[in-house]
C-alpha atoms as a PDB file:
ATOM      1  CA  MET A   1     -13.781  -2.385   6.099  1.00  0.00           C
ATOM      2  CA  ALA A   2     -10.961  -1.926   8.524  1.00  0.00           C
ATOM      3  CA  ASN A   3      -9.041   1.320   8.643  1.00  0.00           C
ATOM      4  CA  ILE A   4      -5.421   1.844   9.592  1.00  0.00           C
ATOM      5  CA  ASN A   5      -6.321   2.300  13.287  1.00  0.00           C
ATOM      6  CA  ASP A   6      -8.077  -1.068  13.313  1.00  0.00           C
ATOM      7  CA  ILE A   7      -5.165  -2.851  11.645  1.00  0.00           C
ATOM      8  CA  ILE A   8      -2.601  -1.325  13.991  1.00  0.00           C
ATOM      9  CA  GLY A   9      -4.937  -2.117  16.924  1.00  0.00           C
ATOM     10  CA  GLN A  10      -5.150  -5.744  15.902  1.00  0.00           C
ATOM     11  CA  LEU A  11      -1.365  -6.003  15.624  1.00  0.00           C
ATOM     12  CA  VAL A  12      -0.898  -4.288  19.036  1.00  0.00           C
ATOM     13  CA  ASN A  13      -3.400  -6.581  20.709  1.00  0.00           C
ATOM     14  CA  SER A  14      -1.774  -9.619  19.162  1.00  0.00           C
ATOM     15  CA  ALA A  15       1.718  -8.571  20.321  1.00  0.00           C
ATOM     16  CA  ALA A  16       0.603  -7.372  23.768  1.00  0.00           C
ATOM     17  CA  GLY A  17      -1.391 -10.559  24.379  1.00  0.00           C
ATOM     18  CA  LYS A  18       1.878 -12.289  25.228  1.00  0.00           C
ATOM     19  CA  VAL A  19       2.682  -9.723  27.935  1.00  0.00           C
ATOM     20  CA  GLU A  20       1.013  -9.538  31.306  1.00  0.00           C
ATOM     21  CA  ILE A  21      -0.040  -5.897  31.543  1.00  0.00           C
ATOM     22  CA  PRO A  22      -1.619  -4.717  34.841  1.00  0.00           C
ATOM     23  CA  ALA A  23      -5.384  -4.346  34.299  1.00  0.00           C
ATOM     24  CA  ASN A  24      -5.405  -0.788  35.673  1.00  0.00           C
ATOM     25  CA  VAL A  25      -3.173   0.472  32.775  1.00  0.00           C
ATOM     26  CA  LYS A  26      -3.873  -2.049  30.066  1.00  0.00           C
ATOM     27  CA  ASP A  27      -6.116   0.154  27.963  1.00  0.00           C
ATOM     28  CA  GLN A  28      -3.809   3.100  28.369  1.00  0.00           C
ATOM     29  CA  VAL A  29      -0.817   1.008  27.200  1.00  0.00           C
ATOM     30  CA  LEU A  30      -2.613  -0.564  24.220  1.00  0.00           C
ATOM     31  CA  ASN A  31      -3.996   2.772  23.105  1.00  0.00           C
ATOM     32  CA  GLY A  32      -0.613   4.311  23.642  1.00  0.00           C
ATOM     33  CA  LEU A  33       1.115   1.712  21.452  1.00  0.00           C
ATOM     34  CA  SER A  34      -1.457   2.212  18.685  1.00  0.00           C
ATOM     35  CA  SER A  35      -1.379   5.998  18.784  1.00  0.00           C
ATOM     36  CA  SER A  36       2.407   6.084  18.915  1.00  0.00           C
ATOM     37  CA  ILE A  37       2.676   3.892  15.774  1.00  0.00           C
ATOM     38  CA  LEU A  38       0.037   5.891  13.919  1.00  0.00           C
ATOM     39  CA  GLY A  39       1.620   9.156  15.153  1.00  0.00           C
ATOM     40  CA  SER A  40       4.984   8.052  13.765  1.00  0.00           C
ATOM     41  CA  LEU A  41       3.492   7.342  10.364  1.00  0.00           C
ATOM     42  CA  THR A  42       1.622  10.644  10.359  1.00  0.00           C
ATOM     43  CA  GLN A  43       4.616  12.708  11.442  1.00  0.00           C
ATOM     44  CA  THR A  44       6.831  10.924   8.897  1.00  0.00           C
ATOM     45  CA  ALA A  45       4.347  11.600   6.111  1.00  0.00           C
ATOM     46  CA  THR A  46       4.573  15.348   6.698  1.00  0.00           C
ATOM     47  CA  LYS A  47       8.378  15.465   6.442  1.00  0.00           C
ATOM     48  CA  ALA A  48      10.374  15.829   3.198  1.00  0.00           C
ATOM     49  CA  GLY A  49      10.926  12.337   1.902  1.00  0.00           C
ATOM     50  CA  GLY A  50       8.489  10.949   4.375  1.00  0.00           C
ATOM     51  CA  LEU A  51       6.109   9.301   1.915  1.00  0.00           C
ATOM     52  CA  ASP A  52       9.107   7.533   0.350  1.00  0.00           C
ATOM     53  CA  ALA A  53      10.173   6.299   3.831  1.00  0.00           C
ATOM     54  CA  ILE A  54       6.632   5.023   4.494  1.00  0.00           C
ATOM     55  CA  LYS A  55       6.541   3.358   1.106  1.00  0.00           C
ATOM     56  CA  SER A  56       9.880   1.642   1.785  1.00  0.00           C
ATOM     57  CA  LEU A  57       8.561   0.423   5.137  1.00  0.00           C
ATOM     58  CA  LEU A  58       5.215  -0.793   3.872  1.00  0.00           C
ATOM     59  CA  THR A  59       6.801  -2.564   0.865  1.00  0.00           C
ATOM     60  CA  GLY A  60       9.410  -4.292   3.017  1.00  0.00           C
ATOM     61  CA  LYS A  61      12.360  -2.509   1.385  1.00  0.00           C
ATOM     62  CA  ALA A  62      13.286  -0.889   4.702  1.00  0.00           C
ATOM     63  CA  ASN A  63      14.190  -2.862   7.767  1.00  0.00           C
ATOM     64  CA  ALA A  64      11.254  -2.168  10.030  1.00  0.00           C
ATOM     65  CA  ALA A  65      13.184  -2.973  13.197  1.00  0.00           C
ATOM     66  CA  THR A  66      15.807  -0.263  12.482  1.00  0.00           C
ATOM     67  CA  SER A  67      13.560   2.179  10.628  1.00  0.00           C
ATOM     68  CA  GLU A  68      13.422   5.861  11.646  1.00  0.00           C
ATOM     69  CA  ILE A  69       9.604   5.421  11.681  1.00  0.00           C
ATOM     70  CA  THR A  70       9.937   2.617  14.212  1.00  0.00           C
ATOM     71  CA  ALA A  71      12.367   4.672  16.323  1.00  0.00           C
ATOM     72  CA  LEU A  72       9.962   7.608  16.266  1.00  0.00           C
ATOM     73  CA  ALA A  73       7.050   5.338  17.383  1.00  0.00           C
ATOM     74  CA  GLY A  74       9.222   4.147  20.269  1.00  0.00           C
ATOM     75  CA  ASN A  75      10.141   7.682  21.227  1.00  0.00           C
ATOM     76  CA  LEU A  76       6.511   8.738  21.209  1.00  0.00           C
ATOM     77  CA  PHE A  77       5.487   5.708  23.280  1.00  0.00           C
ATOM     78  CA  ASN A  78       8.255   6.329  25.851  1.00  0.00           C
ATOM     79  CA  LYS A  79       7.529  10.061  26.070  1.00  0.00           C
ATOM     80  CA  ASN A  80       3.731   9.982  26.055  1.00  0.00           C
ATOM     81  CA  ILE A  81       2.933   6.714  27.844  1.00  0.00           C
ATOM     82  CA  LEU A  82       5.785   4.982  29.645  1.00  0.00           C
ATOM     83  CA  SER A  83       7.201   8.105  31.220  1.00  0.00           C
ATOM     84  CA  LYS A  84       3.828   8.645  32.921  1.00  0.00           C
ATOM     85  CA  LEU A  85       3.317   5.139  34.200  1.00  0.00           C
ATOM     86  CA  ASN A  86       5.409   3.382  36.815  1.00  0.00           C
ATOM     87  CA  LEU A  87       5.797   0.039  35.170  1.00  0.00           C
ATOM     88  CA  GLY A  88       9.355  -0.786  36.282  1.00  0.00           C
ATOM     89  CA  SER A  89      10.892  -3.739  34.382  1.00  0.00           C
ATOM     90  CA  LEU A  90       7.712  -4.068  32.253  1.00  0.00           C
ATOM     91  CA  ALA A  91       8.379  -0.734  30.452  1.00  0.00           C
ATOM     92  CA  PRO A  92      11.268  -1.989  28.247  1.00  0.00           C
ATOM     93  CA  VAL A  93       9.274  -5.182  27.447  1.00  0.00           C
ATOM     94  CA  LEU A  94       6.393  -3.020  26.219  1.00  0.00           C
ATOM     95  CA  ALA A  95       8.613  -0.695  24.280  1.00  0.00           C
ATOM     96  CA  GLY A  96      10.244  -3.754  22.726  1.00  0.00           C
ATOM     97  CA  LEU A  97       6.892  -4.696  21.141  1.00  0.00           C
ATOM     98  CA  ILE A  98       7.046  -1.787  18.672  1.00  0.00           C
ATOM     99  CA  PRO A  99       9.716  -3.211  16.315  1.00  0.00           C
ATOM    100  CA  GLY A 100       7.764  -6.482  16.045  1.00  0.00           C
ATOM    101  CA  ILE A 101       4.485  -4.682  15.307  1.00  0.00           C
ATOM    102  CA  MET A 102       6.213  -2.515  12.741  1.00  0.00           C
ATOM    103  CA  THR A 103       7.766  -5.587  11.094  1.00  0.00           C
ATOM    104  CA  LYS A 104       4.269  -7.014  10.699  1.00  0.00           C
ATOM    105  CA  LEU A 105       3.147  -3.782   9.032  1.00  0.00           C
ATOM    106  CA  SER A 106       6.184  -4.012   6.768  1.00  0.00           C
ATOM    107  CA  GLY A 107       5.915  -5.739   3.497  1.00  0.00           C
ATOM    108  CA  PHE A 108       2.161  -5.845   2.997  1.00  0.00           C
ATOM    109  CA  ILE A 109       2.388  -3.934  -0.249  1.00  0.00           C
ATOM    110  CA  GLN A 110       4.210  -5.939  -2.935  1.00  0.00           C
ATOM    111  CA  ASP A 111       4.871  -5.954  -6.671  1.00  0.00           C
ATOM    112  CA  ARG A 112       1.705  -7.725  -7.650  1.00  0.00           C
ATOM    113  CA  ASP A 113       1.602  -6.952 -11.370  1.00  0.00           C
ATOM    114  CA  GLY A 114       5.145  -8.235 -12.078  1.00  0.00           C
ATOM    115  CA  ASP A 115       6.512  -5.031 -13.617  1.00  0.00           C
ATOM    116  CA  GLY A 116       9.441  -4.869 -11.225  1.00  0.00           C
ATOM    117  CA  ASP A 117       8.361  -1.888  -9.148  1.00  0.00           C
ATOM    118  CA  VAL A 118       5.716  -0.976  -6.635  1.00  0.00           C
ATOM    119  CA  ASP A 119       3.324   1.530  -8.136  1.00  0.00           C
ATOM    120  CA  LEU A 120      -0.295   2.577  -7.636  1.00  0.00           C
ATOM    121  CA  ASN A 121      -1.583  -0.511  -9.392  1.00  0.00           C
ATOM    122  CA  ASP A 122       0.426  -2.764  -7.025  1.00  0.00           C
ATOM    123  CA  ILE A 123      -0.875  -0.865  -4.023  1.00  0.00           C
ATOM    124  CA  LEU A 124      -4.449  -1.314  -5.148  1.00  0.00           C
ATOM    125  CA  LEU A 125      -3.865  -5.007  -5.887  1.00  0.00           C
ATOM    126  CA  SER A 126      -2.159  -5.556  -2.524  1.00  0.00           C
ATOM    127  CA  LEU A 127      -4.933  -3.733  -0.668  1.00  0.00           C
ATOM    128  CA  LYS A 128      -7.753  -5.603  -2.421  1.00  0.00           C
ATOM    129  CA  GLY A 129      -6.141  -9.011  -1.946  1.00  0.00           C
ATOM    130  CA  GLY A 130      -5.935 -11.199   1.143  1.00  0.00           C
ATOM    131  CA  ALA A 131      -9.385 -12.455   1.873  1.00  0.00           C
ATOM    132  CA  GLY A 132     -11.072  -9.251   2.947  1.00  0.00           C
ATOM    133  CA  SER A 133      -8.063  -7.989   4.857  1.00  0.00           C
ATOM    134  CA  GLY A 134      -9.391  -4.473   4.924  1.00  0.00           C
ATOM    135  CA  LEU A 135      -6.123  -3.042   3.784  1.00  0.00           C
ATOM    136  CA  LEU A 136      -7.818  -0.937   1.089  1.00  0.00           C
ATOM    137  CA  GLY A 137      -9.621   0.806   3.940  1.00  0.00           C
ATOM    138  CA  ALA A 138      -6.222   1.275   5.679  1.00  0.00           C
ATOM    139  CA  ALA A 139      -4.738   2.907   2.601  1.00  0.00           C
ATOM    140  CA  THR A 140      -7.799   5.050   2.124  1.00  0.00           C
ATOM    141  CA  SER A 141      -7.465   6.167   5.727  1.00  0.00           C
ATOM    142  CA  ILE A 142      -3.796   6.939   5.431  1.00  0.00           C
ATOM    143  CA  LEU A 143      -4.101   8.716   2.117  1.00  0.00           C
ATOM    144  CA  GLY A 144      -7.222  10.508   3.248  1.00  0.00           C
ATOM    145  CA  GLY A 145      -5.465  11.714   6.341  1.00  0.00           C
ATOM    146  CA  LEU A 146      -2.484  12.851   4.331  1.00  0.00           C
ATOM    147  CA  PHE A 147      -4.657  14.814   1.892  1.00  0.00           C
ATOM    148  CA  GLY A 148      -7.186  16.068   4.349  1.00  0.00           C
ATOM    149  CA  ARG A 149     -10.045  13.709   3.514  1.00  0.00           C
ATOM    150  CA  LYS A 150     -11.910  11.198   5.590  1.00  0.00           C
END
């Protein structure tokens, strides 16, 4: 079953597949995109109101492109990866991938039981559905990380 790292990695690889990244830095860029997105989720989760912000993002209630979580991912990517590589005009193109990736993460948890809100039951139904999407593993990974379990 896929964990959150795998899901983010798949989204990053899909988005970056449309950009010609120099071979000598490709792994660094892809890993940097993934770790920046995961880092923004992790840092947000530890802040007051952070879990609600993540819930809003993952349920599609927040605009992923303008989310503080997305902005943090961009800042982490710029600081930890792009500032260390000399990619010239490619740098803004790579940084521009983050809002699209976050948009694809957005909205995968929905009101599945029809009670008008997103609750634990909906999260479980969303994560189990989707032809073996592995999202239950992702949630387990996120929640386990938040509560100190693996």
